[in-house]
Amino acid sequence: MNKKMFGIFVFTLLLIATGVTVAGTLKQNIDTENEYKEGEVGASGWGWYNPAGAWMRSDKGLIGVISYVGWGKYAMSYEYFHDPTWPLPYYGTLFPTTVGVTDGRGEFTMTGKNTYKFSLLAIGYDEDYVTTYYSVYSGTSTLTSDNDMNSVFYIAFYTPDQDPFSEYEEPLYCFGPHEFSYERIPIVAPCGS
């Protein structure tokens, strides 16, 4: 077989493989649409709710922001409205030199229809801005509507010399489960209008 015929043969195989892949993807998308067609229609269609946005915890003690990254992955951040040394009054004198804690940052990843797992990291620090602990929030969230979410999570505390991301590292303290509901922060009309 000469080079030209070999090139045409390879090109034809690639064209056929691409066509089969595209056809399979289209069929899968159509099957997925039909599977949820009779469900409640959310912003993402057929009962799939989009977690991206700003959320307030039911006790009004936290604001979280979830931003789409791609392929079922989201970036997540949160901030608290309370004493920045919250591990001290909330859990006792675990880290007595702590004077503040950073806002939390982490990942929010889809595990199924309207279900997600997440982990967030916040860092406690002393008056010289030296790390006194790492706190890791890990759990699951379920969107029950476009504007409502429920979460169950644990909080693990690690010392500064521990690796909070290692599956082999035992936390110094572990608390939970904690359960909270969240409401999407809506757009409201300006006051006086």
C-alpha atoms as a PDB file:
ATOM      1  CA  MET A   1       0.000   0.000   0.000  1.00  0.00           C
ATOM      2  CA  ASN A   2       1.500   3.338  -0.969  1.00  0.00           C
ATOM      3  CA  LYS A   3       1.671   6.352   1.364  1.00  0.00           C
ATOM      4  CA  LYS A   4      -1.258   8.149  -0.294  1.00  0.00           C
ATOM      5  CA  MET A   5      -3.611   5.157   0.047  1.00  0.00           C
ATOM      6  CA  PHE A   6      -2.461   4.609   3.644  1.00  0.00           C
ATOM      7  CA  GLY A   7      -3.200   8.287   4.448  1.00  0.00           C
ATOM      8  CA  ILE A   8      -6.699   8.034   2.924  1.00  0.00           C
ATOM      9  CA  PHE A   9      -7.338   4.826   4.912  1.00  0.00           C
ATOM     10  CA  VAL A  10      -6.257   6.414   8.225  1.00  0.00           C
ATOM     11  CA  PHE A  11      -8.279   9.571   7.497  1.00  0.00           C
ATOM     12  CA  THR A  12     -11.383   7.463   6.771  1.00  0.00           C
ATOM     13  CA  LEU A  13     -10.978   5.535  10.048  1.00  0.00           C
ATOM     14  CA  LEU A  14     -10.627   8.786  11.996  1.00  0.00           C
ATOM     15  CA  LEU A  15     -13.724  10.206  10.299  1.00  0.00           C
ATOM     16  CA  ILE A  16     -15.762   7.096  11.155  1.00  0.00           C
ATOM     17  CA  ALA A  17     -14.546   7.109  14.780  1.00  0.00           C
ATOM     18  CA  THR A  18     -15.441  10.791  15.155  1.00  0.00           C
ATOM     19  CA  GLY A  19     -18.917  10.184  13.726  1.00  0.00           C
ATOM     20  CA  VAL A  20     -19.555   7.292  16.100  1.00  0.00           C
ATOM     21  CA  THR A  21     -18.380   9.360  19.082  1.00  0.00           C
ATOM     22  CA  VAL A  22     -20.580  12.342  18.145  1.00  0.00           C
ATOM     23  CA  ALA A  23     -23.606  10.099  17.541  1.00  0.00           C
ATOM     24  CA  GLY A  24     -23.101   8.372  20.907  1.00  0.00           C
ATOM     25  CA  THR A  25     -22.800  11.702  22.719  1.00  0.00           C
ATOM     26  CA  LEU A  26     -25.967  13.033  21.090  1.00  0.00           C
ATOM     27  CA  LYS A  27     -27.871   9.860  22.007  1.00  0.00           C
ATOM     28  CA  GLN A  28     -26.639  10.086  25.609  1.00  0.00           C
ATOM     29  CA  ASN A  29     -27.745  13.741  25.831  1.00  0.00           C
ATOM     30  CA  ILE A  30     -31.170  12.904  24.398  1.00  0.00           C
ATOM     31  CA  ASP A  31     -31.551   9.970  26.820  1.00  0.00           C
ATOM     32  CA  THR A  32     -30.580  12.225  29.758  1.00  0.00           C
ATOM     33  CA  GLU A  33     -33.083  14.894  28.674  1.00  0.00           C
ATOM     34  CA  ASN A  34     -35.879  12.324  28.358  1.00  0.00           C
ATOM     35  CA  GLU A  35     -35.034  10.813  31.744  1.00  0.00           C
ATOM     36  CA  TYR A  36     -35.680  14.121  33.565  1.00  0.00           C
ATOM     37  CA  LYS A  37     -38.277  15.647  31.256  1.00  0.00           C
ATOM     38  CA  GLU A  38     -41.150  14.912  33.626  1.00  0.00           C
ATOM     39  CA  GLY A  39     -39.362  16.267  36.696  1.00  0.00           C
ATOM     40  CA  GLU A  40     -39.551  19.764  38.139  1.00  0.00           C
ATOM     41  CA  VAL A  41     -37.866  22.270  35.866  1.00  0.00           C
ATOM     42  CA  GLY A  42     -35.119  24.242  37.593  1.00  0.00           C
ATOM     43  CA  ALA A  43     -32.760  26.881  36.220  1.00  0.00           C
ATOM     44  CA  SER A  44     -30.559  24.131  34.771  1.00  0.00           C
ATOM     45  CA  GLY A  45     -33.528  22.157  33.369  1.00  0.00           C
ATOM     46  CA  TRP A  46     -35.419  19.000  34.318  1.00  0.00           C
ATOM     47  CA  GLY A  47     -34.884  19.232  38.033  1.00  0.00           C
ATOM     48  CA  TRP A  48     -31.161  19.994  37.939  1.00  0.00           C
ATOM     49  CA  TYR A  49     -30.405  23.023  40.104  1.00  0.00           C
ATOM     50  CA  ASN A  50     -27.375  25.252  39.690  1.00  0.00           C
ATOM     51  CA  PRO A  51     -25.382  25.830  42.915  1.00  0.00           C
ATOM     52  CA  ALA A  52     -23.423  28.804  41.551  1.00  0.00           C
ATOM     53  CA  GLY A  53     -24.287  31.991  43.391  1.00  0.00           C
ATOM     54  CA  ALA A  54     -24.358  33.590  46.847  1.00  0.00           C
ATOM     55  CA  TRP A  55     -25.921  31.725  49.782  1.00  0.00           C
ATOM     56  CA  MET A  56     -26.883  32.670  53.361  1.00  0.00           C
ATOM     57  CA  ARG A  57     -27.041  30.107  56.140  1.00  0.00           C
ATOM     58  CA  SER A  58     -30.411  29.711  57.903  1.00  0.00           C
ATOM     59  CA  ASP A  59     -29.087  31.201  61.157  1.00  0.00           C
ATOM     60  CA  LYS A  60     -27.801  34.215  59.160  1.00  0.00           C
ATOM     61  CA  GLY A  61     -24.314  33.481  60.518  1.00  0.00           C
ATOM     62  CA  LEU A  62     -22.579  32.816  57.222  1.00  0.00           C
ATOM     63  CA  ILE A  63     -22.442  34.002  53.634  1.00  0.00           C
ATOM     64  CA  GLY A  64     -21.008  31.629  51.070  1.00  0.00           C
ATOM     65  CA  VAL A  65     -20.220  32.101  47.393  1.00  0.00           C
ATOM     66  CA  ILE A  66     -20.037  29.223  44.927  1.00  0.00           C
ATOM     67  CA  SER A  67     -18.441  29.897  41.521  1.00  0.00           C
ATOM     68  CA  TYR A  68     -18.470  27.550  38.532  1.00  0.00           C
ATOM     69  CA  VAL A  69     -15.037  26.257  37.492  1.00  0.00           C
ATOM     70  CA  GLY A  70     -15.975  23.555  34.964  1.00  0.00           C
ATOM     71  CA  TRP A  71     -16.974  19.893  34.560  1.00  0.00           C
ATOM     72  CA  GLY A  72     -19.048  19.662  37.747  1.00  0.00           C
ATOM     73  CA  LYS A  73     -16.460  21.526  39.842  1.00  0.00           C
ATOM     74  CA  TYR A  74     -16.978  24.769  41.716  1.00  0.00           C
ATOM     75  CA  ALA A  75     -14.832  27.055  43.860  1.00  0.00           C
ATOM     76  CA  MET A  76     -16.341  27.912  47.234  1.00  0.00           C
ATOM     77  CA  SER A  77     -15.685  30.654  49.782  1.00  0.00           C
ATOM     78  CA  TYR A  78     -17.406  31.688  52.989  1.00  0.00           C
ATOM     79  CA  GLU A  79     -17.223  34.266  55.757  1.00  0.00           C
ATOM     80  CA  TYR A  80     -18.687  34.356  59.247  1.00  0.00           C
ATOM     81  CA  PHE A  81     -20.398  37.128  61.186  1.00  0.00           C
ATOM     82  CA  HIS A  82     -19.015  36.649  64.691  1.00  0.00           C
ATOM     83  CA  ASP A  83     -15.948  36.861  66.860  1.00  0.00           C
ATOM     84  CA  PRO A  84     -12.960  36.036  64.608  1.00  0.00           C
ATOM     85  CA  THR A  85     -11.556  33.820  67.369  1.00  0.00           C
ATOM     86  CA  TRP A  86     -14.673  31.597  67.056  1.00  0.00           C
ATOM     87  CA  PRO A  87     -12.924  28.290  67.852  1.00  0.00           C
ATOM     88  CA  LEU A  88     -12.315  29.637  71.372  1.00  0.00           C
ATOM     89  CA  PRO A  89     -15.919  30.465  72.377  1.00  0.00           C
ATOM     90  CA  TYR A  90     -17.434  27.788  70.148  1.00  0.00           C
ATOM     91  CA  TYR A  91     -15.265  24.826  71.101  1.00  0.00           C
ATOM     92  CA  GLY A  92     -13.516  25.963  74.275  1.00  0.00           C
ATOM     93  CA  THR A  93      -9.872  26.883  74.691  1.00  0.00           C
ATOM     94  CA  LEU A  94      -8.502  24.668  71.920  1.00  0.00           C
ATOM     95  CA  PHE A  95      -6.042  27.254  70.607  1.00  0.00           C
ATOM     96  CA  PRO A  96      -5.611  29.949  73.309  1.00  0.00           C
ATOM     97  CA  THR A  97      -3.121  32.112  71.359  1.00  0.00           C
ATOM     98  CA  THR A  98      -5.486  32.506  68.391  1.00  0.00           C
ATOM     99  CA  VAL A  99      -6.689  36.078  67.746  1.00  0.00           C
ATOM    100  CA  GLY A 100      -8.253  35.617  64.297  1.00  0.00           C
ATOM    101  CA  VAL A 101      -9.176  33.235  61.510  1.00  0.00           C
ATOM    102  CA  THR A 102      -9.230  33.622  57.754  1.00  0.00           C
ATOM    103  CA  ASP A 103     -12.339  33.235  55.635  1.00  0.00           C
ATOM    104  CA  GLY A 104     -12.735  29.724  54.232  1.00  0.00           C
ATOM    105  CA  ARG A 105     -11.886  28.622  50.697  1.00  0.00           C
ATOM    106  CA  GLY A 106     -12.395  25.270  49.022  1.00  0.00           C
ATOM    107  CA  GLU A 107     -13.887  22.965  46.417  1.00  0.00           C
ATOM    108  CA  PHE A 108     -17.519  21.983  45.761  1.00  0.00           C
ATOM    109  CA  THR A 109     -17.832  18.974  43.435  1.00  0.00           C
ATOM    110  CA  MET A 110     -20.881  17.282  41.894  1.00  0.00           C
ATOM    111  CA  THR A 111     -21.482  13.672  42.952  1.00  0.00           C
ATOM    112  CA  GLY A 112     -24.922  13.183  41.354  1.00  0.00           C
ATOM    113  CA  LYS A 113     -28.136  14.968  40.487  1.00  0.00           C
ATOM    114  CA  ASN A 114     -28.223  17.990  42.853  1.00  0.00           C
ATOM    115  CA  THR A 115     -25.729  16.348  45.248  1.00  0.00           C
ATOM    116  CA  TYR A 116     -22.236  17.601  46.016  1.00  0.00           C
ATOM    117  CA  LYS A 117     -19.267  16.946  48.272  1.00  0.00           C
ATOM    118  CA  PHE A 118     -17.055  19.739  49.551  1.00  0.00           C
ATOM    119  CA  SER A 119     -14.009  20.632  51.606  1.00  0.00           C
ATOM    120  CA  LEU A 120     -13.065  24.089  52.870  1.00  0.00           C
ATOM    121  CA  LEU A 121      -9.964  25.358  54.646  1.00  0.00           C
ATOM    122  CA  ALA A 122      -9.650  28.226  57.148  1.00  0.00           C
ATOM    123  CA  ILE A 123      -6.476  29.165  59.043  1.00  0.00           C
ATOM    124  CA  GLY A 124      -6.266  30.462  62.615  1.00  0.00           C
ATOM    125  CA  TYR A 125      -3.461  32.877  63.490  1.00  0.00           C
ATOM    126  CA  ASP A 126      -1.972  34.607  66.545  1.00  0.00           C
ATOM    127  CA  GLU A 127      -1.177  38.294  67.126  1.00  0.00           C
ATOM    128  CA  ASP A 128       2.011  37.951  65.062  1.00  0.00           C
ATOM    129  CA  TYR A 129       0.044  36.362  62.174  1.00  0.00           C
ATOM    130  CA  VAL A 130       1.665  32.978  62.821  1.00  0.00           C
ATOM    131  CA  THR A 131      -0.578  30.001  62.043  1.00  0.00           C
ATOM    132  CA  THR A 132      -2.100  28.440  65.166  1.00  0.00           C
ATOM    133  CA  TYR A 133      -4.320  25.848  63.458  1.00  0.00           C
ATOM    134  CA  TYR A 134      -5.893  24.665  60.209  1.00  0.00           C
ATOM    135  CA  SER A 135      -9.614  23.925  60.167  1.00  0.00           C
ATOM    136  CA  VAL A 136     -11.112  21.761  57.420  1.00  0.00           C
ATOM    137  CA  TYR A 137     -14.839  21.542  56.798  1.00  0.00           C
ATOM    138  CA  SER A 138     -15.804  18.428  54.828  1.00  0.00           C
ATOM    139  CA  GLY A 139     -19.259  17.179  53.985  1.00  0.00           C
ATOM    140  CA  THR A 140     -22.104  16.934  51.517  1.00  0.00           C
ATOM    141  CA  SER A 141     -24.737  19.308  50.177  1.00  0.00           C
ATOM    142  CA  THR A 142     -28.059  18.689  48.461  1.00  0.00           C
ATOM    143  CA  LEU A 143     -29.961  21.292  46.479  1.00  0.00           C
ATOM    144  CA  THR A 144     -33.674  20.766  47.163  1.00  0.00           C
ATOM    145  CA  SER A 145     -34.751  23.584  44.838  1.00  0.00           C
ATOM    146  CA  ASP A 146     -33.119  26.353  42.838  1.00  0.00           C
ATOM    147  CA  ASN A 147     -32.982  28.489  45.986  1.00  0.00           C
ATOM    148  CA  ASP A 148     -32.553  25.998  48.844  1.00  0.00           C
ATOM    149  CA  MET A 149     -29.657  23.793  49.922  1.00  0.00           C
ATOM    150  CA  ASN A 150     -29.017  21.493  52.896  1.00  0.00           C
ATOM    151  CA  SER A 151     -25.529  20.571  54.117  1.00  0.00           C
ATOM    152  CA  VAL A 152     -24.085  18.077  56.594  1.00  0.00           C
ATOM    153  CA  PHE A 153     -20.415  18.467  57.515  1.00  0.00           C
ATOM    154  CA  TYR A 154     -17.655  17.828  60.034  1.00  0.00           C
ATOM    155  CA  ILE A 155     -14.969  20.267  61.179  1.00  0.00           C
ATOM    156  CA  ALA A 156     -11.447  18.926  61.725  1.00  0.00           C
ATOM    157  CA  PHE A 157      -8.706  20.947  63.433  1.00  0.00           C
ATOM    158  CA  TYR A 158      -5.002  20.369  62.728  1.00  0.00           C
ATOM    159  CA  THR A 159      -1.872  21.798  64.313  1.00  0.00           C
ATOM    160  CA  PRO A 160       0.440  23.988  62.177  1.00  0.00           C
ATOM    161  CA  ASP A 161       2.910  21.129  61.695  1.00  0.00           C
ATOM    162  CA  GLN A 162       0.231  18.747  60.372  1.00  0.00           C
ATOM    163  CA  ASP A 163      -0.862  18.349  56.746  1.00  0.00           C
ATOM    164  CA  PRO A 164      -4.625  19.086  56.672  1.00  0.00           C
ATOM    165  CA  PHE A 165      -4.939  17.569  53.176  1.00  0.00           C
ATOM    166  CA  SER A 166      -3.336  14.178  53.887  1.00  0.00           C
ATOM    167  CA  GLU A 167      -5.732  11.250  54.236  1.00  0.00           C
ATOM    168  CA  TYR A 168      -3.213   9.688  56.654  1.00  0.00           C
ATOM    169  CA  GLU A 169      -3.130  12.670  59.025  1.00  0.00           C
ATOM    170  CA  GLU A 170      -5.321  12.332  62.124  1.00  0.00           C
ATOM    171  CA  PRO A 171      -6.897  15.658  63.134  1.00  0.00           C
ATOM    172  CA  LEU A 172      -6.225  16.992  66.611  1.00  0.00           C
ATOM    173  CA  TYR A 173      -9.987  17.543  67.063  1.00  0.00           C
ATOM    174  CA  CYS A 174     -13.022  16.473  65.025  1.00  0.00           C
ATOM    175  CA  PHE A 175     -16.541  17.866  65.575  1.00  0.00           C
ATOM    176  CA  GLY A 176     -19.820  16.998  63.897  1.00  0.00           C
ATOM    177  CA  PRO A 177     -21.964  16.289  62.215  1.00  0.00           C
ATOM    178  CA  HIS A 178     -23.298  19.815  61.813  1.00  0.00           C
ATOM    179  CA  GLU A 179     -26.433  20.345  59.712  1.00  0.00           C
ATOM    180  CA  PHE A 180     -27.513  23.641  58.195  1.00  0.00           C
ATOM    181  CA  SER A 181     -29.867  24.841  55.503  1.00  0.00           C
ATOM    182  CA  TYR A 182     -28.979  27.657  53.118  1.00  0.00           C
ATOM    183  CA  GLU A 183     -31.020  30.069  51.027  1.00  0.00           C
ATOM    184  CA  ARG A 184     -29.873  31.691  47.807  1.00  0.00           C
ATOM    185  CA  ILE A 185     -29.477  35.456  48.217  1.00  0.00           C
ATOM    186  CA  PRO A 186     -32.034  36.904  45.783  1.00  0.00           C
ATOM    187  CA  ILE A 187     -32.125  40.178  43.913  1.00  0.00           C
ATOM    188  CA  VAL A 188     -34.470  42.544  45.759  1.00  0.00           C
ATOM    189  CA  ALA A 189     -35.895  45.897  44.756  1.00  0.00           C
ATOM    190  CA  PRO A 190     -34.029  48.971  46.082  1.00  0.00           C
ATOM    191  CA  CYS A 191     -35.499  50.506  49.224  1.00  0.00           C
ATOM    192  CA  GLY A 192     -37.823  53.429  48.584  1.00  0.00           C
ATOM    193  CA  SER A 193     -38.822  52.218  45.137  1.00  0.00           C
END
